[in-house]
C-alpha cells in the first residue's frame, strides 16, 4: 500500500497542509504555478511535474489529462489531492 503526503510549499519556504490553502473550488492557478506529484520512496521515487494555468480550479486540475496520466497507474491512489505544490506566485 502506497502512502502519499500532502504538503504545499509557500513562498516563505514553509510547508502547509491542504487545509491552509484555498483549494476547494478556488482558482488555484492564482496561487500555485506547478504541482509536483511524488510516487514511491527512495530509489523507486518518481516525480512528475504538472504546470498550472492562471485561473484553473482545483477540480479542473484533478480532471486534467496530465493528472489522469500521472495517477492512471496508481492502483492504491485514494487521495486525488496528494500532490505537492512547487511554488506560489
PDB file of N, CA and C in Angstrom:
ATOM      1  N   UNK A   1       0.854  -1.184   0.000  1.00  0.00           N
ATOM      2  CA  UNK A   1       0.000   0.000   0.000  1.00  0.00           C
ATOM      3  C   UNK A   1       0.891   1.235   0.000  1.00  0.00           C
ATOM      4  N   UNK A   2       0.685   2.066  -0.978  1.00  0.00           N
ATOM      5  CA  UNK A   2       1.486   3.273  -1.096  1.00  0.00           C
ATOM      6  C   UNK A   2       0.873   4.395  -0.278  1.00  0.00           C
ATOM      7  N   UNK A   3       1.709   5.213   0.301  1.00  0.00           N
ATOM      8  CA  UNK A   3       1.222   6.354   1.060  1.00  0.00           C
ATOM      9  C   UNK A   3       1.605   7.643   0.364  1.00  0.00           C
ATOM     10  N   UNK A   4       0.797   8.656   0.552  1.00  0.00           N
ATOM     11  CA  UNK A   4       1.050   9.921  -0.113  1.00  0.00           C
ATOM     12  C   UNK A   4       0.943  11.061   0.886  1.00  0.00           C
ATOM     13  N   UNK A   5       1.968  11.887   0.930  1.00  0.00           N
ATOM     14  CA  UNK A   5       1.945  13.049   1.814  1.00  0.00           C
ATOM     15  C   UNK A   5       1.404  14.241   1.042  1.00  0.00           C
ATOM     16  N   UNK A   6       0.621  15.050   1.698  1.00  0.00           N
ATOM     17  CA  UNK A   6       0.062  16.236   1.069  1.00  0.00           C
ATOM     18  C   UNK A   6       0.630  17.461   1.757  1.00  0.00           C
ATOM     19  N   UNK A   7       1.559  18.120   1.100  1.00  0.00           N
ATOM     20  CA  UNK A   7       2.140  19.336   1.646  1.00  0.00           C
ATOM     21  C   UNK A   7       2.307  20.339   0.521  1.00  0.00           C
ATOM     22  N   UNK A   8       2.159  21.595   0.847  1.00  0.00           N
ATOM     23  CA  UNK A   8       2.281  22.666  -0.120  1.00  0.00           C
ATOM     24  C   UNK A   8       3.381  23.614   0.343  1.00  0.00           C
ATOM     25  N   UNK A   9       4.315  23.892  -0.527  1.00  0.00           N
ATOM     26  CA  UNK A   9       5.417  24.786  -0.162  1.00  0.00           C
ATOM     27  C   UNK A   9       5.090  26.209  -0.625  1.00  0.00           C
ATOM     28  N   UNK A  10       5.052  27.115   0.316  1.00  0.00           N
ATOM     29  CA  UNK A  10       4.723  28.505   0.007  1.00  0.00           C
ATOM     30  C   UNK A  10       5.990  29.312  -0.238  1.00  0.00           C
ATOM     31  N   UNK A  11       5.791  30.551  -0.681  1.00  0.00           N
ATOM     32  CA  UNK A  11       6.937  31.396  -0.993  1.00  0.00           C
ATOM     33  C   UNK A  11       7.803  31.673   0.223  1.00  0.00           C
ATOM     34  N   UNK A  12       7.237  31.548   1.417  1.00  0.00           N
ATOM     35  CA  UNK A  12       8.050  31.783   2.607  1.00  0.00           C
ATOM     36  C   UNK A  12       8.914  30.576   2.951  1.00  0.00           C
ATOM     37  N   UNK A  13       8.828  29.525   2.129  1.00  0.00           N
ATOM     38  CA  UNK A  13       9.661  28.356   2.347  1.00  0.00           C
ATOM     39  C   UNK A  13       9.063  27.334   3.289  1.00  0.00           C
ATOM     40  N   UNK A  14       7.944  27.690   3.913  1.00  0.00           N
ATOM     41  CA  UNK A  14       7.285  26.782   4.842  1.00  0.00           C
ATOM     42  C   UNK A  14       6.360  25.838   4.081  1.00  0.00           C
ATOM     43  N   UNK A  15       6.121  24.677   4.687  1.00  0.00           N
ATOM     44  CA  UNK A  15       5.187  23.718   4.104  1.00  0.00           C
ATOM     45  C   UNK A  15       3.889  23.741   4.896  1.00  0.00           C
ATOM     46  N   UNK A  16       2.790  23.710   4.177  1.00  0.00           N
ATOM     47  CA  UNK A  16       1.477  23.744   4.806  1.00  0.00           C
ATOM     48  C   UNK A  16       0.655  22.571   4.294  1.00  0.00           C
ATOM     49  N   UNK A  17      -0.287  22.092   5.120  1.00  0.00           N
ATOM     50  CA  UNK A  17      -1.164  21.054   4.602  1.00  0.00           C
ATOM     51  C   UNK A  17      -2.308  21.722   3.851  1.00  0.00           C
ATOM     52  N   UNK A  18      -3.108  20.910   3.146  1.00  0.00           N
ATOM     53  CA  UNK A  18      -4.103  21.477   2.248  1.00  0.00           C
ATOM     54  C   UNK A  18      -5.197  22.263   2.958  1.00  0.00           C
ATOM     55  N   UNK A  19      -5.353  22.087   4.269  1.00  0.00           N
ATOM     56  CA  UNK A  19      -6.382  22.830   4.980  1.00  0.00           C
ATOM     57  C   UNK A  19      -6.027  24.316   5.087  1.00  0.00           C
ATOM     58  N   UNK A  20      -4.779  24.662   4.839  1.00  0.00           N
ATOM     59  CA  UNK A  20      -4.353  26.047   4.934  1.00  0.00           C
ATOM     60  C   UNK A  20      -4.370  26.769   3.588  1.00  0.00           C
ATOM     61  N   UNK A  21      -4.835  26.084   2.546  1.00  0.00           N
ATOM     62  CA  UNK A  21      -4.871  26.710   1.230  1.00  0.00           C
ATOM     63  C   UNK A  21      -6.300  26.757   0.698  1.00  0.00           C
ATOM     64  N   UNK A  22      -6.628  27.777  -0.053  1.00  0.00           N
ATOM     65  CA  UNK A  22      -7.979  27.907  -0.607  1.00  0.00           C
ATOM     66  C   UNK A  22      -8.134  27.065  -1.867  1.00  0.00           C
ATOM     67  N   UNK A  23      -8.063  25.746  -1.734  1.00  0.00           N
ATOM     68  CA  UNK A  23      -8.092  24.884  -2.910  1.00  0.00           C
ATOM     69  C   UNK A  23      -9.498  24.463  -3.326  1.00  0.00           C
ATOM     70  N   UNK A  24     -10.365  24.209  -2.383  1.00  0.00           N
ATOM     71  CA  UNK A  24     -11.668  23.644  -2.723  1.00  0.00           C
ATOM     72  C   UNK A  24     -12.490  24.645  -3.542  1.00  0.00           C
ATOM     73  N   UNK A  25     -12.635  24.359  -4.811  1.00  0.00           N
ATOM     74  CA  UNK A  25     -13.425  25.217  -5.684  1.00  0.00           C
ATOM     75  C   UNK A  25     -12.751  26.533  -6.029  1.00  0.00           C
ATOM     76  N   UNK A  26     -11.587  26.764  -5.486  1.00  0.00           N
ATOM     77  CA  UNK A  26     -10.895  28.030  -5.735  1.00  0.00           C
ATOM     78  C   UNK A  26     -10.083  27.959  -7.026  1.00  0.00           C
ATOM     79  N   UNK A  27      -9.728  29.115  -7.512  1.00  0.00           N
ATOM     80  CA  UNK A  27      -8.878  29.160  -8.697  1.00  0.00           C
ATOM     81  C   UNK A  27      -7.427  29.092  -8.224  1.00  0.00           C
ATOM     82  N   UNK A  28      -6.939  27.867  -8.086  1.00  0.00           N
ATOM     83  CA  UNK A  28      -5.609  27.716  -7.509  1.00  0.00           C
ATOM     84  C   UNK A  28      -4.517  28.190  -8.447  1.00  0.00           C
ATOM     85  N   UNK A  29      -4.827  28.387  -9.728  1.00  0.00           N
ATOM     86  CA  UNK A  29      -3.844  28.917 -10.658  1.00  0.00           C
ATOM     87  C   UNK A  29      -3.372  30.310 -10.282  1.00  0.00           C
ATOM     88  N   UNK A  30      -4.151  30.999  -9.427  1.00  0.00           N
ATOM     89  CA  UNK A  30      -3.742  32.327  -8.977  1.00  0.00           C
ATOM     90  C   UNK A  30      -2.621  32.243  -7.946  1.00  0.00           C
ATOM     91  N   UNK A  31      -2.560  31.133  -7.226  1.00  0.00           N
ATOM     92  CA  UNK A  31      -1.559  30.985  -6.174  1.00  0.00           C
ATOM     93  C   UNK A  31      -0.486  29.970  -6.522  1.00  0.00           C
ATOM     94  N   UNK A  32      -0.869  28.951  -7.267  1.00  0.00           N
ATOM     95  CA  UNK A  32       0.014  27.822  -7.490  1.00  0.00           C
ATOM     96  C   UNK A  32       0.422  27.772  -8.950  1.00  0.00           C
ATOM     97  N   UNK A  33       1.702  27.626  -9.206  1.00  0.00           N
ATOM     98  CA  UNK A  33       2.185  27.616 -10.580  1.00  0.00           C
ATOM     99  C   UNK A  33       2.496  26.209 -11.086  1.00  0.00           C
ATOM    100  N   UNK A  34       2.783  25.293 -10.179  1.00  0.00           N
ATOM    101  CA  UNK A  34       3.087  23.932 -10.615  1.00  0.00           C
ATOM    102  C   UNK A  34       2.859  22.965  -9.468  1.00  0.00           C
ATOM    103  N   UNK A  35       2.540  21.745  -9.825  1.00  0.00           N
ATOM    104  CA  UNK A  35       2.392  20.694  -8.829  1.00  0.00           C
ATOM    105  C   UNK A  35       3.486  19.663  -9.063  1.00  0.00           C
ATOM    106  N   UNK A  36       3.965  19.103  -7.985  1.00  0.00           N
ATOM    107  CA  UNK A  36       4.936  18.015  -8.082  1.00  0.00           C
ATOM    108  C   UNK A  36       4.284  16.787  -7.462  1.00  0.00           C
ATOM    109  N   UNK A  37       4.071  15.782  -8.271  1.00  0.00           N
ATOM    110  CA  UNK A  37       3.451  14.561  -7.786  1.00  0.00           C
ATOM    111  C   UNK A  37       4.562  13.551  -7.514  1.00  0.00           C
ATOM    112  N   UNK A  38       4.631  13.093  -6.274  1.00  0.00           N
ATOM    113  CA  UNK A  38       5.696  12.188  -5.855  1.00  0.00           C
ATOM    114  C   UNK A  38       5.105  10.814  -5.587  1.00  0.00           C
ATOM    115  N   UNK A  39       5.669   9.807  -6.247  1.00  0.00           N
ATOM    116  CA  UNK A  39       5.211   8.428  -6.042  1.00  0.00           C
ATOM    117  C   UNK A  39       6.391   7.596  -5.572  1.00  0.00           C
ATOM    118  N   UNK A  40       6.150   6.731  -4.614  1.00  0.00           N
ATOM    119  CA  UNK A  40       7.196   5.834  -4.149  1.00  0.00           C
ATOM    120  C   UNK A  40       8.165   6.493  -3.199  1.00  0.00           C
ATOM    121  N   UNK A  41       9.191   5.716  -2.817  1.00  0.00           N
ATOM    122  CA  UNK A  41      10.190   6.211  -1.876  1.00  0.00           C
ATOM    123  C   UNK A  41      11.590   5.827  -2.339  1.00  0.00           C
ATOM    124  N   UNK A  42      12.558   6.590  -1.881  1.00  0.00           N
ATOM    125  CA  UNK A  42      13.963   6.276  -2.124  1.00  0.00           C
ATOM    126  C   UNK A  42      14.300   6.120  -3.597  1.00  0.00           C
ATOM    127  N   UNK A  43      14.974   5.024  -3.934  1.00  0.00           N
ATOM    128  CA  UNK A  43      15.394   4.783  -5.312  1.00  0.00           C
ATOM    129  C   UNK A  43      14.220   4.556  -6.250  1.00  0.00           C
ATOM    130  N   UNK A  44      13.067   4.240  -5.689  1.00  0.00           N
ATOM    131  CA  UNK A  44      11.908   3.945  -6.517  1.00  0.00           C
ATOM    132  C   UNK A  44      10.984   5.157  -6.677  1.00  0.00           C
ATOM    133  N   UNK A  45      11.454   6.304  -6.206  1.00  0.00           N
ATOM    134  CA  UNK A  45      10.640   7.509  -6.266  1.00  0.00           C
ATOM    135  C   UNK A  45      10.538   8.037  -7.690  1.00  0.00           C
ATOM    136  N   UNK A  46       9.328   8.401  -8.076  1.00  0.00           N
ATOM    137  CA  UNK A  46       9.095   9.030  -9.368  1.00  0.00           C
ATOM    138  C   UNK A  46       8.460  10.388  -9.115  1.00  0.00           C
ATOM    139  N   UNK A  47       8.960  11.396  -9.795  1.00  0.00           N
ATOM    140  CA  UNK A  47       8.430  12.746  -9.624  1.00  0.00           C
ATOM    141  C   UNK A  47       7.931  13.246 -10.978  1.00  0.00           C
ATOM    142  N   UNK A  48       6.706  13.721 -10.997  1.00  0.00           N
ATOM    143  CA  UNK A  48       6.118  14.257 -12.214  1.00  0.00           C
ATOM    144  C   UNK A  48       5.684  15.686 -11.954  1.00  0.00           C
ATOM    145  N   UNK A  49       5.994  16.577 -12.881  1.00  0.00           N
ATOM    146  CA  UNK A  49       5.596  17.974 -12.744  1.00  0.00           C
ATOM    147  C   UNK A  49       4.361  18.249 -13.590  1.00  0.00           C
ATOM    148  N   UNK A  50       3.427  18.993 -13.028  1.00  0.00           N
ATOM    149  CA  UNK A  50       2.229  19.400 -13.745  1.00  0.00           C
ATOM    150  C   UNK A  50       2.121  20.913 -13.632  1.00  0.00           C
ATOM    151  N   UNK A  51       2.270  21.617 -14.764  1.00  0.00           N
ATOM    152  CA  UNK A  51       2.148  23.076 -14.762  1.00  0.00           C
ATOM    153  C   UNK A  51       0.684  23.469 -14.755  1.00  0.00           C
ATOM    154  N   UNK A  52       0.382  24.558 -14.073  1.00  0.00           N
ATOM    155  CA  UNK A  52      -0.988  25.057 -13.986  1.00  0.00           C
ATOM    156  C   UNK A  52      -1.114  26.377 -14.735  1.00  0.00           C
ATOM    157  N   UNK A  53      -2.281  26.591 -15.318  1.00  0.00           N
ATOM    158  CA  UNK A  53      -2.562  27.855 -15.989  1.00  0.00           C
ATOM    159  C   UNK A  53      -3.287  28.777 -15.010  1.00  0.00           C
ATOM    160  N   UNK A  54      -3.180  30.069 -15.232  1.00  0.00           N
ATOM    161  CA  UNK A  54      -3.898  31.031 -14.389  1.00  0.00           C
ATOM    162  C   UNK A  54      -5.393  30.775 -14.475  1.00  0.00           C
ATOM    163  N   UNK A  55      -6.055  30.853 -13.343  1.00  0.00           N
ATOM    164  CA  UNK A  55      -7.497  30.725 -13.313  1.00  0.00           C
ATOM    165  C   UNK A  55      -8.016  29.305 -13.260  1.00  0.00           C
ATOM    166  N   UNK A  56      -7.119  28.324 -13.261  1.00  0.00           N
ATOM    167  CA  UNK A  56      -7.571  26.931 -13.216  1.00  0.00           C
ATOM    168  C   UNK A  56      -8.110  26.616 -11.824  1.00  0.00           C
ATOM    169  N   UNK A  57      -9.138  25.784 -11.757  1.00  0.00           N
ATOM    170  CA  UNK A  57      -9.694  25.406 -10.464  1.00  0.00           C
ATOM    171  C   UNK A  57      -9.126  24.070 -10.021  1.00  0.00           C
ATOM    172  N   UNK A  58      -9.293  23.780  -8.741  1.00  0.00           N
ATOM    173  CA  UNK A  58      -8.770  22.522  -8.212  1.00  0.00           C
ATOM    174  C   UNK A  58      -9.398  21.333  -8.925  1.00  0.00           C
ATOM    175  N   UNK A  59     -10.703  21.397  -9.174  1.00  0.00           N
ATOM    176  CA  UNK A  59     -11.361  20.275  -9.835  1.00  0.00           C
ATOM    177  C   UNK A  59     -10.875  20.118 -11.273  1.00  0.00           C
ATOM    178  N   UNK A  60     -10.583  21.221 -11.934  1.00  0.00           N
ATOM    179  CA  UNK A  60     -10.050  21.145 -13.295  1.00  0.00           C
ATOM    180  C   UNK A  60      -8.675  20.488 -13.308  1.00  0.00           C
ATOM    181  N   UNK A  61      -7.873  20.770 -12.292  1.00  0.00           N
ATOM    182  CA  UNK A  61      -6.558  20.141 -12.200  1.00  0.00           C
ATOM    183  C   UNK A  61      -6.712  18.632 -12.044  1.00  0.00           C
ATOM    184  N   UNK A  62      -7.606  18.226 -11.141  1.00  0.00           N
ATOM    185  CA  UNK A  62      -7.777  16.808 -10.871  1.00  0.00           C
ATOM    186  C   UNK A  62      -8.383  16.070 -12.056  1.00  0.00           C
ATOM    187  N   UNK A  63      -9.129  16.788 -12.905  1.00  0.00           N
ATOM    188  CA  UNK A  63      -9.747  16.173 -14.066  1.00  0.00           C
ATOM    189  C   UNK A  63      -8.885  16.301 -15.323  1.00  0.00           C
ATOM    190  N   UNK A  64      -7.779  17.007 -15.223  1.00  0.00           N
ATOM    191  CA  UNK A  64      -6.958  17.265 -16.405  1.00  0.00           C
ATOM    192  C   UNK A  64      -6.302  15.993 -16.920  1.00  0.00           C
ATOM    193  N   UNK A  65      -5.998  16.012 -18.203  1.00  0.00           N
ATOM    194  CA  UNK A  65      -5.351  14.861 -18.825  1.00  0.00           C
ATOM    195  C   UNK A  65      -4.010  14.577 -18.167  1.00  0.00           C
ATOM    196  N   UNK A  66      -3.286  15.640 -17.778  1.00  0.00           N
ATOM    197  CA  UNK A  66      -1.984  15.448 -17.160  1.00  0.00           C
ATOM    198  C   UNK A  66      -2.097  14.703 -15.840  1.00  0.00           C
ATOM    199  N   UNK A  67      -3.046  15.128 -15.015  1.00  0.00           N
ATOM    200  CA  UNK A  67      -3.196  14.470 -13.721  1.00  0.00           C
ATOM    201  C   UNK A  67      -3.727  13.060 -13.872  1.00  0.00           C
ATOM    202  N   UNK A  68      -4.613  12.833 -14.828  1.00  0.00           N
ATOM    203  CA  UNK A  68      -5.122  11.482 -15.059  1.00  0.00           C
ATOM    204  C   UNK A  68      -3.997  10.571 -15.512  1.00  0.00           C
ATOM    205  N   UNK A  69      -3.103  11.101 -16.336  1.00  0.00           N
ATOM    206  CA  UNK A  69      -1.964  10.301 -16.787  1.00  0.00           C
ATOM    207  C   UNK A  69      -1.039   9.981 -15.625  1.00  0.00           C
ATOM    208  N   UNK A  70      -0.844  10.950 -14.748  1.00  0.00           N
ATOM    209  CA  UNK A  70       0.023  10.754 -13.594  1.00  0.00           C
ATOM    210  C   UNK A  70      -0.547   9.699 -12.655  1.00  0.00           C
ATOM    211  N   UNK A  71      -1.859   9.737 -12.458  1.00  0.00           N
ATOM    212  CA  UNK A  71      -2.472   8.854 -11.471  1.00  0.00           C
ATOM    213  C   UNK A  71      -3.023   7.557 -12.051  1.00  0.00           C
ATOM    214  N   UNK A  72      -2.956   7.389 -13.357  1.00  0.00           N
ATOM    215  CA  UNK A  72      -3.584   6.232 -14.009  1.00  0.00           C
ATOM    216  C   UNK A  72      -3.047   4.898 -13.489  1.00  0.00           C
ATOM    217  N   UNK A  73      -1.753   4.857 -13.189  1.00  0.00           N
ATOM    218  CA  UNK A  73      -1.153   3.582 -12.789  1.00  0.00           C
ATOM    219  C   UNK A  73      -1.053   3.433 -11.272  1.00  0.00           C
ATOM    220  N   UNK A  74      -1.746   4.270 -10.549  1.00  0.00           N
ATOM    221  CA  UNK A  74      -1.656   4.230  -9.090  1.00  0.00           C
ATOM    222  C   UNK A  74      -2.874   3.508  -8.527  1.00  0.00           C
ATOM    223  N   UNK A  75      -2.791   2.207  -8.429  1.00  0.00           N
ATOM    224  CA  UNK A  75      -3.940   1.386  -8.030  1.00  0.00           C
ATOM    225  C   UNK A  75      -4.462   1.752  -6.650  1.00  0.00           C
ATOM    226  N   UNK A  76      -3.580   2.180  -5.753  1.00  0.00           N
ATOM    227  CA  UNK A  76      -3.993   2.490  -4.393  1.00  0.00           C
ATOM    228  C   UNK A  76      -4.121   3.992  -4.159  1.00  0.00           C
ATOM    229  N   UNK A  77      -4.257   4.729  -5.235  1.00  0.00           N
ATOM    230  CA  UNK A  77      -4.334   6.181  -5.126  1.00  0.00           C
ATOM    231  C   UNK A  77      -5.702   6.567  -4.586  1.00  0.00           C
ATOM    232  N   UNK A  78      -5.773   6.981  -3.343  1.00  0.00           N
ATOM    233  CA  UNK A  78      -7.060   7.266  -2.715  1.00  0.00           C
ATOM    234  C   UNK A  78      -7.295   8.750  -2.484  1.00  0.00           C
ATOM    235  N   UNK A  79      -6.259   9.549  -2.529  1.00  0.00           N
ATOM    236  CA  UNK A  79      -6.409  10.977  -2.272  1.00  0.00           C
ATOM    237  C   UNK A  79      -5.995  11.760  -3.513  1.00  0.00           C
ATOM    238  N   UNK A  80      -6.945  12.241  -4.317  1.00  0.00           N
ATOM    239  CA  UNK A  80      -6.597  12.942  -5.552  1.00  0.00           C
ATOM    240  C   UNK A  80      -5.865  14.256  -5.308  1.00  0.00           C
ATOM    241  N   UNK A  81      -5.834  14.741  -4.071  1.00  0.00           N
ATOM    242  CA  UNK A  81      -5.113  15.977  -3.788  1.00  0.00           C
ATOM    243  C   UNK A  81      -3.727  15.697  -3.216  1.00  0.00           C
ATOM    244  N   UNK A  82      -3.272  14.449  -3.320  1.00  0.00           N
ATOM    245  CA  UNK A  82      -1.965  14.096  -2.769  1.00  0.00           C
ATOM    246  C   UNK A  82      -0.865  14.564  -3.711  1.00  0.00           C
ATOM    247  N   UNK A  83      -0.717  15.851  -3.791  1.00  0.00           N
ATOM    248  CA  UNK A  83       0.282  16.467  -4.645  1.00  0.00           C
ATOM    249  C   UNK A  83       1.004  17.532  -3.834  1.00  0.00           C
ATOM    250  N   UNK A  84       2.192  17.840  -4.253  1.00  0.00           N
ATOM    251  CA  UNK A  84       2.964  18.876  -3.553  1.00  0.00           C
ATOM    252  C   UNK A  84       3.128  20.066  -4.481  1.00  0.00           C
ATOM    253  N   UNK A  85       2.832  21.236  -3.993  1.00  0.00           N
ATOM    254  CA  UNK A  85       2.972  22.440  -4.781  1.00  0.00           C
ATOM    255  C   UNK A  85       4.434  22.869  -4.791  1.00  0.00           C
ATOM    256  N   UNK A  86       4.950  23.080  -5.984  1.00  0.00           N
ATOM    257  CA  UNK A  86       6.343  23.502  -6.096  1.00  0.00           C
ATOM    258  C   UNK A  86       6.535  24.955  -5.692  1.00  0.00           C
ATOM    259  N   UNK A  87       5.688  25.817  -6.174  1.00  0.00           N
ATOM    260  CA  UNK A  87       5.905  27.239  -5.902  1.00  0.00           C
ATOM    261  C   UNK A  87       4.598  28.010  -6.018  1.00  0.00           C
ATOM    262  N   UNK A  88       4.559  29.109  -5.313  1.00  0.00           N
ATOM    263  CA  UNK A  88       3.428  30.010  -5.389  1.00  0.00           C
ATOM    264  C   UNK A  88       3.839  31.248  -6.163  1.00  0.00           C
ATOM    265  N   UNK A  89       2.858  31.946  -6.703  1.00  0.00           N
ATOM    266  CA  UNK A  89       3.142  33.180  -7.433  1.00  0.00           C
ATOM    267  C   UNK A  89       3.608  34.245  -6.455  1.00  0.00           C
TER     268      UNK A  89
END
